[in-house]
N, C-alpha and C. Protein backbone atom coordinates (compact mmCIF):
# COMPACT_ATOMS: atom_id res chain seq x y z
N MET A 1 -117.39 -134.82 -36.10
CA MET A 1 -116.67 -133.75 -35.44
C MET A 1 -116.77 -132.50 -36.25
N ALA A 2 -116.45 -131.37 -35.65
CA ALA A 2 -116.54 -130.12 -36.33
C ALA A 2 -115.57 -130.07 -37.50
N ASP A 3 -116.08 -129.70 -38.66
CA ASP A 3 -115.20 -129.60 -39.90
C ASP A 3 -114.04 -128.70 -39.73
N ALA A 4 -114.12 -127.71 -38.91
CA ALA A 4 -113.03 -126.73 -38.76
C ALA A 4 -111.79 -127.34 -38.12
N PHE A 5 -111.87 -128.47 -37.44
CA PHE A 5 -110.73 -129.02 -36.75
C PHE A 5 -110.07 -130.19 -37.47
N GLY A 6 -110.77 -130.94 -38.29
CA GLY A 6 -110.22 -132.12 -38.86
C GLY A 6 -110.61 -133.35 -38.05
N PRO A 7 -110.23 -134.52 -38.47
CA PRO A 7 -110.67 -135.73 -37.78
C PRO A 7 -110.00 -135.85 -36.42
N GLY A 8 -110.81 -136.24 -35.42
CA GLY A 8 -110.26 -136.51 -34.08
C GLY A 8 -110.26 -137.96 -33.81
N SER A 9 -109.50 -138.33 -32.74
CA SER A 9 -109.40 -139.79 -32.38
C SER A 9 -110.11 -139.99 -31.08
N GLY A 10 -110.71 -141.19 -30.92
CA GLY A 10 -111.30 -141.57 -29.69
C GLY A 10 -112.85 -141.34 -29.68
N PRO A 11 -113.50 -141.76 -28.58
CA PRO A 11 -114.94 -141.72 -28.53
C PRO A 11 -115.50 -140.37 -28.16
N GLY A 12 -114.65 -139.45 -27.64
CA GLY A 12 -115.09 -138.13 -27.23
C GLY A 12 -115.80 -138.19 -25.85
N PRO A 13 -116.05 -137.04 -25.36
CA PRO A 13 -116.22 -135.76 -26.00
C PRO A 13 -114.97 -134.91 -26.18
N ALA A 14 -113.78 -135.40 -25.72
CA ALA A 14 -112.52 -134.67 -25.96
C ALA A 14 -111.70 -135.51 -26.99
N TYR A 15 -111.20 -134.82 -27.96
CA TYR A 15 -110.54 -135.53 -29.10
C TYR A 15 -109.15 -134.94 -29.37
N PRO A 16 -108.14 -135.79 -29.49
CA PRO A 16 -106.86 -135.28 -30.04
C PRO A 16 -106.97 -135.22 -31.55
N VAL A 17 -106.57 -134.10 -32.11
CA VAL A 17 -106.52 -133.89 -33.57
C VAL A 17 -105.10 -133.71 -33.98
N GLY A 18 -104.62 -134.50 -34.92
CA GLY A 18 -103.24 -134.39 -35.36
C GLY A 18 -102.56 -135.76 -35.51
N LEU A 19 -103.29 -136.80 -35.06
CA LEU A 19 -102.81 -138.19 -35.28
C LEU A 19 -103.25 -138.58 -36.65
N ARG A 20 -102.46 -139.48 -37.28
CA ARG A 20 -102.88 -140.07 -38.54
C ARG A 20 -104.14 -140.92 -38.34
N ALA A 21 -104.81 -141.27 -39.43
CA ALA A 21 -106.06 -142.04 -39.30
C ALA A 21 -105.81 -143.41 -38.64
N ASP A 22 -104.53 -143.89 -38.71
CA ASP A 22 -104.25 -145.18 -38.07
C ASP A 22 -103.78 -145.04 -36.63
N GLY A 23 -103.86 -143.83 -36.12
CA GLY A 23 -103.49 -143.59 -34.69
C GLY A 23 -101.98 -143.35 -34.49
N THR A 24 -101.31 -142.86 -35.54
CA THR A 24 -99.89 -142.62 -35.47
C THR A 24 -99.57 -141.17 -35.26
N LEU A 25 -98.65 -140.87 -34.31
CA LEU A 25 -98.11 -139.52 -34.14
C LEU A 25 -96.70 -139.55 -34.69
N VAL A 26 -96.49 -138.76 -35.77
CA VAL A 26 -95.17 -138.68 -36.38
C VAL A 26 -94.35 -137.64 -35.58
N LEU A 27 -93.23 -138.11 -34.96
CA LEU A 27 -92.40 -137.25 -34.15
C LEU A 27 -91.65 -136.23 -35.03
N ALA A 28 -91.52 -135.03 -34.57
CA ALA A 28 -90.77 -134.02 -35.27
C ALA A 28 -89.30 -134.38 -35.39
N PRO A 29 -88.57 -133.81 -36.36
CA PRO A 29 -87.16 -134.08 -36.45
C PRO A 29 -86.41 -133.78 -35.13
N VAL A 30 -85.47 -134.62 -34.81
CA VAL A 30 -84.67 -134.40 -33.56
C VAL A 30 -84.14 -133.00 -33.57
N GLY A 31 -84.19 -132.35 -32.45
CA GLY A 31 -83.70 -130.97 -32.34
C GLY A 31 -84.80 -129.94 -32.34
N ASN A 32 -86.02 -130.33 -32.71
CA ASN A 32 -87.16 -129.37 -32.66
C ASN A 32 -87.62 -129.05 -31.26
N PHE A 33 -87.32 -129.96 -30.31
CA PHE A 33 -87.74 -129.78 -28.95
C PHE A 33 -86.50 -129.89 -28.01
N PRO A 34 -86.45 -129.16 -26.92
CA PRO A 34 -85.35 -129.28 -26.04
C PRO A 34 -85.50 -130.49 -25.11
N GLY A 35 -84.36 -130.92 -24.55
CA GLY A 35 -84.42 -131.96 -23.53
C GLY A 35 -84.68 -133.34 -24.06
N PRO A 36 -84.98 -134.27 -23.22
CA PRO A 36 -85.04 -135.67 -23.68
C PRO A 36 -86.35 -135.99 -24.40
N TYR A 37 -87.36 -135.06 -24.35
CA TYR A 37 -88.64 -135.40 -24.95
C TYR A 37 -88.76 -134.81 -26.39
N ASN A 38 -89.11 -135.63 -27.32
CA ASN A 38 -89.45 -135.22 -28.68
C ASN A 38 -91.00 -135.10 -28.69
N GLY A 39 -91.58 -134.82 -29.85
CA GLY A 39 -93.01 -134.76 -29.96
C GLY A 39 -93.46 -134.11 -31.24
N ASN A 40 -94.77 -133.68 -31.15
CA ASN A 40 -95.32 -132.93 -32.28
C ASN A 40 -96.61 -132.25 -31.82
N LYS A 41 -97.12 -131.42 -32.67
CA LYS A 41 -98.36 -130.66 -32.35
C LYS A 41 -99.55 -131.62 -32.33
N VAL A 42 -100.40 -131.36 -31.34
CA VAL A 42 -101.68 -132.06 -31.23
C VAL A 42 -102.67 -131.02 -30.72
N LEU A 43 -103.76 -130.87 -31.47
CA LEU A 43 -104.86 -129.97 -31.03
C LEU A 43 -105.90 -130.79 -30.27
N TRP A 44 -106.28 -130.31 -29.09
CA TRP A 44 -107.36 -130.99 -28.34
C TRP A 44 -108.62 -130.17 -28.55
N VAL A 45 -109.72 -130.86 -28.87
CA VAL A 45 -111.01 -130.19 -28.97
C VAL A 45 -112.02 -130.94 -28.11
N VAL A 46 -112.95 -130.17 -27.54
CA VAL A 46 -113.97 -130.73 -26.66
C VAL A 46 -115.33 -130.31 -27.20
N ASP A 47 -116.22 -131.30 -27.36
CA ASP A 47 -117.56 -130.99 -27.76
C ASP A 47 -118.36 -130.55 -26.54
N SER A 48 -118.53 -129.24 -26.40
CA SER A 48 -119.18 -128.66 -25.23
C SER A 48 -120.64 -128.93 -25.15
N ARG A 49 -121.23 -129.33 -26.27
CA ARG A 49 -122.69 -129.73 -26.24
C ARG A 49 -122.85 -131.05 -25.51
N ARG A 50 -121.83 -131.92 -25.61
CA ARG A 50 -121.89 -133.22 -24.96
C ARG A 50 -121.37 -133.11 -23.53
N TYR A 51 -120.34 -132.23 -23.33
CA TYR A 51 -119.77 -132.12 -22.00
C TYR A 51 -119.16 -130.72 -21.78
N PRO A 52 -119.78 -129.99 -20.91
CA PRO A 52 -119.37 -128.57 -20.67
C PRO A 52 -118.41 -128.41 -19.55
N GLY A 53 -117.89 -129.48 -18.95
CA GLY A 53 -117.01 -129.37 -17.76
C GLY A 53 -115.55 -129.45 -18.11
N PRO A 54 -114.75 -129.50 -17.03
CA PRO A 54 -113.30 -129.54 -17.19
C PRO A 54 -112.86 -131.00 -17.65
N VAL A 55 -111.70 -131.02 -18.31
CA VAL A 55 -111.12 -132.29 -18.79
C VAL A 55 -109.66 -132.40 -18.32
N LEU A 56 -109.29 -133.54 -17.85
CA LEU A 56 -107.88 -133.85 -17.47
C LEU A 56 -107.35 -134.87 -18.46
N ILE A 57 -106.20 -134.55 -19.04
CA ILE A 57 -105.49 -135.40 -20.01
C ILE A 57 -104.14 -135.76 -19.48
N ARG A 58 -103.88 -137.06 -19.35
CA ARG A 58 -102.57 -137.55 -18.95
C ARG A 58 -102.18 -138.62 -19.99
N GLY A 59 -101.02 -139.22 -19.81
CA GLY A 59 -100.63 -140.28 -20.78
C GLY A 59 -99.68 -141.24 -20.17
N LEU A 60 -99.47 -142.36 -20.86
CA LEU A 60 -98.55 -143.38 -20.43
C LEU A 60 -98.07 -144.16 -21.61
N ARG A 61 -96.91 -144.75 -21.41
CA ARG A 61 -96.37 -145.67 -22.44
C ARG A 61 -96.89 -147.06 -22.15
N LEU A 62 -97.28 -147.78 -23.16
CA LEU A 62 -97.84 -149.12 -23.00
C LEU A 62 -96.91 -150.22 -23.23
N ASP A 63 -95.89 -150.04 -24.05
CA ASP A 63 -94.97 -151.10 -24.47
C ASP A 63 -93.65 -151.18 -23.69
N ALA A 64 -93.42 -150.25 -22.78
CA ALA A 64 -92.18 -150.16 -22.04
C ALA A 64 -92.39 -149.13 -20.98
N PRO A 65 -91.46 -148.99 -19.99
CA PRO A 65 -91.58 -147.91 -19.07
C PRO A 65 -91.44 -146.56 -19.81
N GLY A 66 -92.23 -145.58 -19.39
CA GLY A 66 -92.17 -144.27 -20.04
C GLY A 66 -93.47 -143.49 -19.75
N ASP A 67 -93.44 -142.23 -20.15
CA ASP A 67 -94.54 -141.38 -19.89
C ASP A 67 -94.90 -140.55 -21.12
N VAL A 68 -95.92 -139.80 -21.02
CA VAL A 68 -96.32 -138.79 -22.03
C VAL A 68 -96.36 -137.45 -21.33
N ARG A 69 -95.79 -136.45 -22.01
CA ARG A 69 -95.78 -135.08 -21.47
C ARG A 69 -96.52 -134.19 -22.46
N PHE A 70 -96.72 -132.94 -22.05
CA PHE A 70 -97.48 -132.03 -22.89
C PHE A 70 -96.81 -130.63 -22.88
N ASP A 71 -96.96 -129.97 -24.00
CA ASP A 71 -96.53 -128.60 -24.19
C ASP A 71 -95.02 -128.49 -24.28
N ASP A 72 -94.46 -127.31 -23.99
CA ASP A 72 -93.10 -126.94 -24.31
C ASP A 72 -92.17 -127.16 -23.18
N GLY A 73 -90.83 -126.93 -23.46
CA GLY A 73 -89.83 -126.93 -22.41
C GLY A 73 -89.06 -128.23 -22.31
N ALA A 74 -87.97 -128.22 -21.57
CA ALA A 74 -87.15 -129.41 -21.39
C ALA A 74 -87.77 -130.34 -20.41
N ASP A 75 -88.59 -129.85 -19.50
CA ASP A 75 -89.30 -130.70 -18.53
C ASP A 75 -90.78 -130.39 -18.57
N PRO A 76 -91.45 -130.83 -19.67
CA PRO A 76 -92.82 -130.44 -19.90
C PRO A 76 -93.77 -131.08 -18.84
N PRO A 77 -94.96 -130.50 -18.62
CA PRO A 77 -95.93 -131.02 -17.69
C PRO A 77 -96.41 -132.41 -18.06
N ASP A 78 -96.77 -133.17 -17.03
CA ASP A 78 -97.25 -134.56 -17.27
C ASP A 78 -98.79 -134.65 -17.41
N ALA A 79 -99.43 -133.50 -17.41
CA ALA A 79 -100.92 -133.48 -17.57
C ALA A 79 -101.35 -132.15 -18.22
N MET A 80 -102.52 -132.21 -18.80
CA MET A 80 -103.20 -131.01 -19.35
C MET A 80 -104.50 -130.89 -18.63
N HIS A 81 -104.80 -129.69 -18.18
CA HIS A 81 -106.12 -129.41 -17.55
C HIS A 81 -106.84 -128.42 -18.43
N LEU A 82 -107.96 -128.92 -19.08
CA LEU A 82 -108.76 -128.12 -19.94
C LEU A 82 -109.94 -127.59 -19.18
N PRO A 83 -110.03 -126.32 -18.97
CA PRO A 83 -111.08 -125.78 -18.14
C PRO A 83 -112.48 -125.72 -18.88
N PRO A 84 -113.54 -125.62 -18.10
CA PRO A 84 -114.86 -125.45 -18.79
C PRO A 84 -114.92 -124.13 -19.50
N PRO A 85 -115.83 -123.95 -20.49
CA PRO A 85 -115.85 -122.71 -21.17
C PRO A 85 -116.32 -121.56 -20.30
N VAL A 86 -115.87 -120.35 -20.64
CA VAL A 86 -116.32 -119.20 -19.85
C VAL A 86 -117.63 -118.64 -20.44
N ALA A 87 -117.95 -119.00 -21.63
CA ALA A 87 -119.19 -118.62 -22.32
C ALA A 87 -119.76 -119.79 -23.04
N PRO A 88 -121.04 -119.85 -23.31
CA PRO A 88 -121.55 -120.97 -24.08
C PRO A 88 -120.89 -121.10 -25.46
N THR A 89 -120.54 -122.32 -25.81
CA THR A 89 -119.89 -122.56 -27.10
C THR A 89 -120.13 -124.05 -27.48
N ASP A 90 -120.07 -124.33 -28.79
CA ASP A 90 -120.29 -125.70 -29.20
C ASP A 90 -118.98 -126.53 -29.05
N TRP A 91 -117.83 -125.86 -29.39
CA TRP A 91 -116.55 -126.54 -29.35
C TRP A 91 -115.52 -125.68 -28.67
N ARG A 92 -114.60 -126.32 -27.88
CA ARG A 92 -113.52 -125.69 -27.25
C ARG A 92 -112.24 -126.30 -27.86
N ASP A 93 -111.18 -125.51 -28.01
CA ASP A 93 -109.94 -126.08 -28.56
C ASP A 93 -108.71 -125.55 -27.84
N TRP A 94 -107.69 -126.43 -27.73
CA TRP A 94 -106.40 -126.14 -27.10
C TRP A 94 -105.29 -126.61 -27.95
N PRO A 95 -104.53 -125.72 -28.57
CA PRO A 95 -103.31 -126.15 -29.23
C PRO A 95 -102.32 -126.62 -28.20
N SER A 96 -101.57 -127.73 -28.50
CA SER A 96 -100.62 -128.23 -27.53
C SER A 96 -99.57 -129.07 -28.28
N TYR A 97 -98.64 -129.64 -27.53
CA TYR A 97 -97.70 -130.60 -28.01
C TYR A 97 -97.84 -131.88 -27.22
N THR A 98 -97.74 -133.01 -27.91
CA THR A 98 -97.60 -134.26 -27.17
C THR A 98 -96.13 -134.57 -27.22
N ARG A 99 -95.56 -134.94 -26.05
CA ARG A 99 -94.09 -135.13 -25.91
C ARG A 99 -93.82 -136.52 -25.37
N VAL A 100 -92.94 -137.22 -26.01
CA VAL A 100 -92.50 -138.58 -25.59
C VAL A 100 -91.05 -138.66 -25.77
N ARG A 101 -90.39 -139.66 -25.12
CA ARG A 101 -88.95 -139.83 -25.19
C ARG A 101 -88.46 -140.54 -26.46
N GLY A 102 -89.39 -141.25 -27.12
CA GLY A 102 -89.03 -141.97 -28.34
C GLY A 102 -90.16 -142.74 -28.88
N PRO A 103 -89.92 -143.41 -29.99
CA PRO A 103 -90.95 -144.17 -30.68
C PRO A 103 -91.48 -145.25 -29.73
N GLY A 104 -92.77 -145.60 -29.90
CA GLY A 104 -93.39 -146.66 -29.10
C GLY A 104 -94.89 -146.57 -29.11
N CYS A 105 -95.48 -147.40 -28.23
CA CYS A 105 -96.96 -147.42 -28.10
C CYS A 105 -97.32 -146.68 -26.84
N TYR A 106 -98.28 -145.72 -26.98
CA TYR A 106 -98.65 -144.84 -25.91
C TYR A 106 -100.21 -144.76 -25.83
N ALA A 107 -100.68 -144.13 -24.75
CA ALA A 107 -102.10 -143.87 -24.64
C ALA A 107 -102.31 -142.55 -23.94
N TYR A 108 -103.31 -141.80 -24.35
CA TYR A 108 -103.81 -140.66 -23.61
C TYR A 108 -104.84 -141.20 -22.64
N GLN A 109 -104.87 -140.72 -21.41
CA GLN A 109 -105.90 -141.06 -20.45
C GLN A 109 -106.78 -139.76 -20.39
N VAL A 110 -108.03 -139.83 -20.78
CA VAL A 110 -108.86 -138.64 -20.86
C VAL A 110 -110.01 -138.81 -19.83
N ASP A 111 -110.08 -137.82 -18.90
CA ASP A 111 -111.07 -137.95 -17.81
C ASP A 111 -111.86 -136.69 -17.65
N GLY A 112 -113.16 -136.84 -17.41
CA GLY A 112 -114.04 -135.76 -17.03
C GLY A 112 -114.93 -136.22 -15.91
N ALA A 113 -115.87 -135.40 -15.44
CA ALA A 113 -116.69 -135.74 -14.32
C ALA A 113 -117.55 -136.96 -14.57
N ASP A 114 -117.96 -137.24 -15.83
CA ASP A 114 -118.81 -138.38 -16.10
C ASP A 114 -118.30 -139.30 -17.20
N PHE A 115 -116.96 -139.27 -17.49
CA PHE A 115 -116.43 -140.19 -18.45
C PHE A 115 -114.97 -140.41 -18.17
N SER A 116 -114.42 -141.51 -18.67
CA SER A 116 -112.98 -141.85 -18.55
C SER A 116 -112.68 -142.85 -19.67
N TYR A 117 -111.68 -142.57 -20.51
CA TYR A 117 -111.32 -143.47 -21.57
C TYR A 117 -109.87 -143.20 -21.99
N ARG A 118 -109.36 -144.15 -22.77
CA ARG A 118 -107.99 -144.05 -23.30
C ARG A 118 -108.04 -143.94 -24.82
N VAL A 119 -107.15 -143.24 -25.38
CA VAL A 119 -106.89 -143.14 -26.79
C VAL A 119 -105.48 -143.68 -27.07
N VAL A 120 -105.37 -144.83 -27.69
CA VAL A 120 -104.05 -145.42 -27.90
C VAL A 120 -103.44 -144.86 -29.20
N PHE A 121 -102.16 -144.55 -29.15
CA PHE A 121 -101.48 -144.06 -30.36
C PHE A 121 -100.07 -144.64 -30.42
N ARG A 122 -99.53 -144.62 -31.63
CA ARG A 122 -98.11 -145.09 -31.84
C ARG A 122 -97.33 -143.89 -32.28
N ALA A 123 -96.19 -143.67 -31.60
CA ALA A 123 -95.29 -142.61 -32.02
C ALA A 123 -94.13 -143.24 -32.85
N ILE A 124 -93.83 -142.56 -34.01
CA ILE A 124 -92.78 -142.98 -34.90
C ILE A 124 -91.91 -141.85 -35.26
N ASP A 125 -90.65 -142.16 -35.59
CA ASP A 125 -89.71 -141.16 -36.04
C ASP A 125 -90.08 -140.74 -37.46
N GLU A 126 -89.79 -139.51 -37.80
CA GLU A 126 -90.03 -138.95 -39.12
C GLU A 126 -89.34 -139.85 -40.17
N GLY A 127 -90.08 -140.19 -41.21
CA GLY A 127 -89.54 -141.05 -42.24
C GLY A 127 -89.80 -142.55 -42.04
N SER A 128 -90.25 -142.90 -40.80
CA SER A 128 -90.62 -144.33 -40.50
C SER A 128 -92.02 -144.57 -40.96
N SER A 129 -92.40 -145.80 -41.04
CA SER A 129 -93.78 -146.14 -41.41
C SER A 129 -94.39 -147.07 -40.36
């Protein structure tokens, strides 16, 4: 992956950057986000050399009922739509937040015109291991 972004998770061409090497998302301290969803920063990067098209990112909880949301607000969106580049580029990036209601096992569902895969991650409270 591009050195400028840090390590990404999953097979690509779209990668979440900001998870620990073991696939853990450390949730921000309670009160950093409004409403029932906590979360933390996750940068999404796309290797445009491998895939120059749009990407849809959704999520789900795997160990109990629940969902994954993205970005800010008390009722954040349940999907991210990453558009194709407007000019030729090697890498595209989108700063975002991953939002969940609490600790647990989750997955991103990453879809493009010619790929579909999941990136599983664990969300933990700050100070947990």
